[in-house]
C-alpha atoms as a PDB file:
ATOM      1  CA  MET A   1      35.362 -28.198   8.924  1.00  0.00           C
ATOM      2  CA  LEU A   2      37.599 -25.538  10.603  1.00  0.00           C
ATOM      3  CA  THR A   3      38.058 -22.599   8.185  1.00  0.00           C
ATOM      4  CA  ARG A   4      40.610 -19.810   8.644  1.00  0.00           C
ATOM      5  CA  PRO A   5      39.039 -17.429  11.823  1.00  0.00           C
ATOM      6  CA  LYS A   6      37.229 -13.773  10.695  1.00  0.00           C
ATOM      7  CA  CYS A   7      36.863 -11.537  13.027  1.00  0.00           C
ATOM      8  CA  PRO A   8      34.306 -11.013  14.518  1.00  0.00           C
ATOM      9  CA  HIS A   9      32.722 -14.630  14.954  1.00  0.00           C
ATOM     10  CA  PRO A  10      29.472 -14.645  13.531  1.00  0.00           C
ATOM     11  CA  ALA A  11      28.263 -15.366  17.244  1.00  0.00           C
ATOM     12  CA  ALA A  12      29.793 -12.192  18.121  1.00  0.00           C
ATOM     13  CA  ARG A  13      28.276 -10.048  15.503  1.00  0.00           C
ATOM     14  CA  ILE A  14      24.783 -11.790  16.630  1.00  0.00           C
ATOM     15  CA  LEU A  15      25.292 -10.972  20.232  1.00  0.00           C
ATOM     16  CA  LEU A  16      26.064  -7.330  18.864  1.00  0.00           C
ATOM     17  CA  TRP A  17      22.875  -7.065  17.231  1.00  0.00           C
ATOM     18  CA  CYS A  18      21.414  -8.033  20.716  1.00  0.00           C
ATOM     19  CA  GLY A  19      23.129  -5.565  22.702  1.00  0.00           C
ATOM     20  CA  TRP A  20      22.001  -2.683  19.825  1.00  0.00           C
ATOM     21  CA  ALA A  21      18.417  -3.783  20.651  1.00  0.00           C
ATOM     22  CA  VAL A  22      18.680  -3.403  23.932  1.00  0.00           C
ATOM     23  CA  ALA A  23      20.312   0.248  23.450  1.00  0.00           C
ATOM     24  CA  VAL A  24      17.953   1.249  21.110  1.00  0.00           C
ATOM     25  CA  GLU A  25      15.214  -0.126  23.397  1.00  0.00           C
ATOM     26  CA  ARG A  26      16.307   1.839  26.496  1.00  0.00           C
ATOM     27  CA  ALA A  27      17.871   4.609  25.090  1.00  0.00           C
ATOM     28  CA  ALA A  28      16.133   8.207  26.444  1.00  0.00           C
ATOM     29  CA  LEU A  29      15.395  10.496  23.145  1.00  0.00           C
ATOM     30  CA  PRO A  30      18.428  12.297  23.023  1.00  0.00           C
ATOM     31  CA  GLN A  31      20.795   8.912  23.085  1.00  0.00           C
ATOM     32  CA  LEU A  32      18.218   7.555  20.600  1.00  0.00           C
ATOM     33  CA  SER A  33      18.857  10.457  17.975  1.00  0.00           C
ATOM     34  CA  PHE A  34      22.791   9.917  17.837  1.00  0.00           C
ATOM     35  CA  LEU A  35      22.313   6.439  17.686  1.00  0.00           C
ATOM     36  CA  ALA A  36      20.261   7.260  14.305  1.00  0.00           C
ATOM     37  CA  VAL A  37      23.012   9.299  13.212  1.00  0.00           C
ATOM     38  CA  ALA A  38      25.283   6.395  13.810  1.00  0.00           C
ATOM     39  CA  LEU A  39      23.167   4.019  11.966  1.00  0.00           C
ATOM     40  CA  ALA A  40      22.961   6.187   9.561  1.00  0.00           C
ATOM     41  CA  THR A  41      26.373   5.896   8.433  1.00  0.00           C
ATOM     42  CA  ALA A  42      25.747   2.547   7.974  1.00  0.00           C
ATOM     43  CA  PHE A  43      23.807   3.275   5.028  1.00  0.00           C
ATOM     44  CA  LEU A  44      26.741   4.868   2.681  1.00  0.00           C
ATOM     45  CA  PHE A  45      27.241   1.479   1.768  1.00  0.00           C
ATOM     46  CA  ALA A  46      25.183  -0.080  -0.775  1.00  0.00           C
ATOM     47  CA  PRO A  47      24.800  -3.716   0.146  1.00  0.00           C
ATOM     48  CA  VAL A  48      23.732  -2.416   3.536  1.00  0.00           C
ATOM     49  CA  ARG A  49      21.255   0.060   2.293  1.00  0.00           C
ATOM     50  CA  HIS A  50      19.477  -2.400   0.076  1.00  0.00           C
ATOM     51  CA  GLU A  51      19.184  -4.774   3.004  1.00  0.00           C
ATOM     52  CA  ALA A  52      18.021  -2.493   5.402  1.00  0.00           C
ATOM     53  CA  TRP A  53      15.386  -1.024   2.803  1.00  0.00           C
ATOM     54  CA  ARG A  54      14.544  -4.689   2.046  1.00  0.00           C
ATOM     55  CA  LEU A  55      13.277  -5.307   5.896  1.00  0.00           C
ATOM     56  CA  LEU A  56      12.005  -2.209   6.339  1.00  0.00           C
ATOM     57  CA  ARG A  57       9.748  -2.288   3.347  1.00  0.00           C
ATOM     58  CA  ARG A  58       8.295  -5.548   4.752  1.00  0.00           C
ATOM     59  CA  THR A  59       7.840  -4.051   7.945  1.00  0.00           C
ATOM     60  CA  ARG A  60       5.956  -1.180   6.965  1.00  0.00           C
ATOM     61  CA  TRP A  61       2.394  -2.302   8.114  1.00  0.00           C
ATOM     62  CA  LEU A  62       3.511  -3.166  11.123  1.00  0.00           C
ATOM     63  CA  MET A  63       4.676   0.093  12.100  1.00  0.00           C
ATOM     64  CA  VAL A  64       1.374   1.692  10.434  1.00  0.00           C
ATOM     65  CA  VAL A  65      -0.556  -0.325  12.598  1.00  0.00           C
ATOM     66  CA  LEU A  66       1.489   0.047  15.750  1.00  0.00           C
ATOM     67  CA  LEU A  67       1.535   3.883  15.024  1.00  0.00           C
ATOM     68  CA  LEU A  68      -2.399   3.914  14.878  1.00  0.00           C
ATOM     69  CA  THR A  69      -3.108   1.667  17.861  1.00  0.00           C
ATOM     70  CA  TYR A  70      -0.913   4.225  20.090  1.00  0.00           C
ATOM     71  CA  ALA A  71      -2.632   6.905  18.302  1.00  0.00           C
ATOM     72  CA  TYR A  72      -6.196   6.122  18.973  1.00  0.00           C
ATOM     73  CA  THR A  73      -6.113   3.808  22.334  1.00  0.00           C
ATOM     74  CA  MET A  74      -3.767   6.432  24.221  1.00  0.00           C
ATOM     75  CA  PRO A  75      -5.399   9.157  26.294  1.00  0.00           C
ATOM     76  CA  GLY A  76      -4.520  12.522  25.980  1.00  0.00           C
ATOM     77  CA  THR A  77      -5.675  15.782  24.053  1.00  0.00           C
ATOM     78  CA  SER A  78      -7.416  15.741  20.816  1.00  0.00           C
ATOM     79  CA  LEU A  79      -5.314  16.488  18.015  1.00  0.00           C
ATOM     80  CA  TRP A  80      -8.428  17.174  15.879  1.00  0.00           C
ATOM     81  CA  PRO A  81     -10.669  18.351  18.071  1.00  0.00           C
ATOM     82  CA  PRO A  82     -13.345  18.870  15.498  1.00  0.00           C
ATOM     83  CA  LEU A  83     -13.596  14.898  14.886  1.00  0.00           C
ATOM     84  CA  GLU A  84     -14.024  14.711  18.404  1.00  0.00           C
ATOM     85  CA  TRP A  85     -14.107  10.514  19.675  1.00  0.00           C
ATOM     86  CA  ALA A  86     -12.560   9.532  15.635  1.00  0.00           C
ATOM     87  CA  SER A  87      -9.346  11.906  16.485  1.00  0.00           C
ATOM     88  CA  PRO A  88      -6.230  10.827  17.689  1.00  0.00           C
ATOM     89  CA  THR A  89      -4.522  11.885  20.797  1.00  0.00           C
ATOM     90  CA  LEU A  90      -1.446  13.952  20.607  1.00  0.00           C
ATOM     91  CA  GLU A  91       0.284  11.438  23.572  1.00  0.00           C
ATOM     92  CA  GLY A  92      -0.612   8.380  21.278  1.00  0.00           C
ATOM     93  CA  VAL A  93       1.125  10.076  18.179  1.00  0.00           C
ATOM     94  CA  ARG A  94       4.161  10.912  19.874  1.00  0.00           C
ATOM     95  CA  LEU A  95       4.709   7.884  21.893  1.00  0.00           C
ATOM     96  CA  GLY A  96       3.483   5.762  18.635  1.00  0.00           C
ATOM     97  CA  ALA A  97       5.920   7.561  16.194  1.00  0.00           C
ATOM     98  CA  LEU A  98       8.728   6.837  18.949  1.00  0.00           C
ATOM     99  CA  ARG A  99       8.089   3.105  19.202  1.00  0.00           C
ATOM    100  CA  VAL A 100       7.848   3.417  15.474  1.00  0.00           C
ATOM    101  CA  ALA A 101      11.125   4.707  15.698  1.00  0.00           C
ATOM    102  CA  ARG A 102      12.586   2.114  18.073  1.00  0.00           C
ATOM    103  CA  LEU A 103      11.874  -0.858  16.056  1.00  0.00           C
ATOM    104  CA  ALA A 104      12.685   1.055  12.751  1.00  0.00           C
ATOM    105  CA  LEU A 105      16.454   1.539  14.222  1.00  0.00           C
ATOM    106  CA  MET A 106      16.492  -2.385  15.529  1.00  0.00           C
ATOM    107  CA  ILE A 107      15.115  -3.617  11.807  1.00  0.00           C
ATOM    108  CA  ALA A 108      17.582  -1.179  10.050  1.00  0.00           C
ATOM    109  CA  GLY A 109      20.545  -2.797  12.450  1.00  0.00           C
ATOM    110  CA  LEU A 110      19.541  -6.285  11.391  1.00  0.00           C
ATOM    111  CA  GLY A 111      19.561  -5.205   7.896  1.00  0.00           C
ATOM    112  CA  VAL A 112      23.224  -4.071   8.467  1.00  0.00           C
ATOM    113  CA  LEU A 113      23.981  -7.779  10.312  1.00  0.00           C
ATOM    114  CA  LEU A 114      22.141  -9.393   7.430  1.00  0.00           C
ATOM    115  CA  ALA A 115      24.062  -7.753   4.769  1.00  0.00           C
ATOM    116  CA  THR A 116      27.557  -7.914   6.498  1.00  0.00           C
ATOM    117  CA  THR A 117      27.617 -11.847   7.767  1.00  0.00           C
ATOM    118  CA  VAL A 118      26.952 -14.241   4.564  1.00  0.00           C
ATOM    119  CA  ARG A 119      23.912 -17.018   5.585  1.00  0.00           C
ATOM    120  CA  PRO A 120      26.298 -19.874   6.488  1.00  0.00           C
ATOM    121  CA  ARG A 121      28.476 -17.656   8.840  1.00  0.00           C
ATOM    122  CA  LEU A 122      25.060 -16.279  10.131  1.00  0.00           C
ATOM    123  CA  ILE A 123      23.430 -20.159  11.159  1.00  0.00           C
ATOM    124  CA  TYR A 124      27.104 -20.808  12.523  1.00  0.00           C
ATOM    125  CA  GLY A 125      26.556 -18.162  15.049  1.00  0.00           C
ATOM    126  CA  LEU A 126      22.947 -19.307  16.186  1.00  0.00           C
ATOM    127  CA  TYR A 127      24.436 -22.937  16.333  1.00  0.00           C
ATOM    128  CA  GLY A 128      27.317 -21.694  18.778  1.00  0.00           C
ATOM    129  CA  LEU A 129      24.870 -19.327  20.974  1.00  0.00           C
ATOM    130  CA  ALA A 130      22.314 -22.472  21.125  1.00  0.00           C
ATOM    131  CA  ARG A 131      25.440 -24.536  22.987  1.00  0.00           C
ATOM    132  CA  PRO A 132      23.844 -23.725  26.474  1.00  0.00           C
ATOM    133  CA  LEU A 133      20.719 -25.164  25.330  1.00  0.00           C
ATOM    134  CA  VAL A 134      21.691 -28.447  24.885  1.00  0.00           C
ATOM    135  CA  TRP A 135      21.732 -28.907  28.543  1.00  0.00           C
ATOM    136  CA  LEU A 136      17.728 -28.747  28.186  1.00  0.00           C
ATOM    137  CA  GLY A 137      18.006 -31.250  25.590  1.00  0.00           C
ATOM    138  CA  PHE A 138      17.675 -29.015  21.947  1.00  0.00           C
ATOM    139  CA  ASP A 139      19.278 -30.518  19.299  1.00  0.00           C
ATOM    140  CA  ARG A 140      21.303 -27.490  17.718  1.00  0.00           C
ATOM    141  CA  ARG A 141      22.448 -29.501  15.056  1.00  0.00           C
ATOM    142  CA  ALA A 142      19.189 -30.555  13.809  1.00  0.00           C
ATOM    143  CA  PHE A 143      18.306 -26.673  13.998  1.00  0.00           C
ATOM    144  CA  ALA A 144      20.973 -25.734  12.006  1.00  0.00           C
ATOM    145  CA  VAL A 145      20.458 -28.208   9.392  1.00  0.00           C
ATOM    146  CA  ARG A 146      16.882 -27.478   9.190  1.00  0.00           C
ATOM    147  CA  LEU A 147      16.863 -23.493   9.337  1.00  0.00           C
ATOM    148  CA  GLY A 148      19.872 -24.301   6.597  1.00  0.00           C
ATOM    149  CA  LEU A 149      17.897 -26.606   4.093  1.00  0.00           C
ATOM    150  CA  THR A 150      15.027 -24.450   4.696  1.00  0.00           C
ATOM    151  CA  LEU A 151      16.358 -21.068   3.526  1.00  0.00           C
ATOM    152  CA  ASP A 152      18.144 -22.664   0.569  1.00  0.00           C
ATOM    153  CA  TYR A 153      14.927 -24.065  -0.355  1.00  0.00           C
ATOM    154  CA  VAL A 154      12.842 -20.781   0.198  1.00  0.00           C
ATOM    155  CA  GLU A 155      15.837 -19.346  -2.010  1.00  0.00           C
ATOM    156  CA  HIS A 156      15.794 -21.239  -4.960  1.00  0.00           C
ATOM    157  CA  ALA A 157      12.251 -22.468  -5.533  1.00  0.00           C
ATOM    158  CA  PRO A 158      10.339 -20.879  -8.101  1.00  0.00           C
ATOM    159  CA  LYS A 159       8.045 -17.962  -7.454  1.00  0.00           C
ATOM    160  CA  PRO A 160       4.806 -18.317  -8.949  1.00  0.00           C
ATOM    161  CA  ALA A 161       3.237 -15.635 -10.618  1.00  0.00           C
ATOM    162  CA  ARG A 162      -0.011 -15.403  -8.879  1.00  0.00           C
ATOM    163  CA  TRP A 163      -0.721 -16.678  -5.420  1.00  0.00           C
ATOM    164  CA  LEU A 164      -3.385 -19.403  -6.951  1.00  0.00           C
ATOM    165  CA  ASP A 165      -0.618 -20.862  -8.668  1.00  0.00           C
ATOM    166  CA  ALA A 166       1.170 -20.952  -5.221  1.00  0.00           C
ATOM    167  CA  LEU A 167      -1.883 -22.609  -3.713  1.00  0.00           C
ATOM    168  CA  ARG A 168      -2.408 -25.330  -6.674  1.00  0.00           C
ATOM    169  CA  ALA A 169       1.584 -26.159  -6.796  1.00  0.00           C
ATOM    170  CA  PRO A 170       2.229 -29.693  -5.536  1.00  0.00           C
ATOM    171  CA  LEU A 171       4.211 -30.105  -2.526  1.00  0.00           C
ATOM    172  CA  PRO A 172       7.864 -30.202  -2.892  1.00  0.00           C
ATOM    173  CA  ASP A 173       9.029 -33.924  -2.501  1.00  0.00           C
ATOM    174  CA  ASP A 174      11.522 -35.296   0.478  1.00  0.00           C
ATOM    175  CA  THR A 175      14.481 -35.678  -2.194  1.00  0.00           C
ATOM    176  CA  GLY A 176      17.530 -33.272  -1.515  1.00  0.00           C
ATOM    177  CA  PRO A 177      20.577 -33.564   0.600  1.00  0.00           C
ATOM    178  CA  ASP A 178      20.514 -35.252   3.805  1.00  0.00           C
ATOM    179  CA  THR A 179      23.507 -33.160   5.359  1.00  0.00           C
ATOM    180  CA  TYR A 180      24.511 -29.443   5.492  1.00  0.00           C
ATOM    181  CA  THR A 181      27.919 -28.153   6.121  1.00  0.00           C
ATOM    182  CA  LEU A 182      28.979 -25.344   8.606  1.00  0.00           C
ATOM    183  CA  HIS A 183      32.557 -23.948   8.431  1.00  0.00           C
ATOM    184  CA  THR A 184      33.733 -23.873  12.082  1.00  0.00           C
ATOM    185  CA  GLU A 185      35.426 -20.663  13.416  1.00  0.00           C
ATOM    186  CA  ARG A 186      37.229 -20.295  16.821  1.00  0.00           C
ATOM    187  CA  TRP A 187      36.096 -17.437  18.987  1.00  0.00           C
ATOM    188  CA  GLN A 188      39.453 -15.430  19.333  1.00  0.00           C
ATOM    189  CA  GLY A 189      40.695 -12.509  21.576  1.00  0.00           C
ATOM    190  CA  CYS A 190      39.606 -10.173  18.989  1.00  0.00           C
ATOM    191  CA  ASP A 191      36.038 -11.478  19.450  1.00  0.00           C
ATOM    192  CA  SER A 192      36.022 -10.991  23.260  1.00  0.00           C
ATOM    193  CA  ALA A 193      37.062  -7.625  22.516  1.00  0.00           C
ATOM    194  CA  VAL A 194      34.491  -6.377  20.531  1.00  0.00           C
ATOM    195  CA  ILE A 195      31.920  -7.681  23.081  1.00  0.00           C
ATOM    196  CA  LEU A 196      33.616  -5.396  25.681  1.00  0.00           C
ATOM    197  CA  ALA A 197      33.694  -2.684  23.454  1.00  0.00           C
ATOM    198  CA  GLY A 198      29.777  -3.221  22.724  1.00  0.00           C
ATOM    199  CA  LEU A 199      29.192  -3.737  26.374  1.00  0.00           C
ATOM    200  CA  LEU A 200      30.782  -0.393  27.105  1.00  0.00           C
ATOM    201  CA  GLY A 201      28.625   1.165  24.416  1.00  0.00           C
ATOM    202  CA  VAL A 202      25.435  -0.014  25.840  1.00  0.00           C
ATOM    203  CA  TRP A 203      26.713   1.282  29.264  1.00  0.00           C
ATOM    204  CA  ILE A 204      27.649   4.795  27.871  1.00  0.00           C
ATOM    205  CA  VAL A 205      23.987   4.783  26.153  1.00  0.00           C
ATOM    206  CA  LEU A 206      21.705   3.967  28.965  1.00  0.00           C
ATOM    207  CA  ALA A 207      24.020   5.791  31.548  1.00  0.00           C
END
């Protein structure tokens, strides 16, 4: 079903986030600080702020584990010499903090994508990007249908009050819609311009 085109195309939005992730991963510290300031402006909008904080809260323990792993596995100067072997290293803490900062910026950028792109459009963007995989036998239609129905079920499924209740709950039956409709969108000139601007931005950051 073809709808009125909206710019940027959902596939372009996903590609922009991929470019953001590459820029965050490869940027030097001064450029990384600039990216952090640029992203901070998006937090002025409530939907973006809510989605980004939600993702960051869900990954906070992963960040803690990363920081501790770097702090205690990287060789270097002991941060607290009286602790001897139990002390993390200064170099490890620095590298761990940098790794956590990069991960946080990637996740916050993903929050911007999720907050500004409704789920059906996001699924259609993935559907469009999976087109080259068709030559390898990948069924992108089945992928889009399963992803859409799974996300709908997760959103509307009743949440038990306790984890034990979740274990005792019967498995859901297979009754439900056997079709999933996505509204197609055409790639426009502005989408190509957005991608070119994104590539230029990544090149400037990494140059």
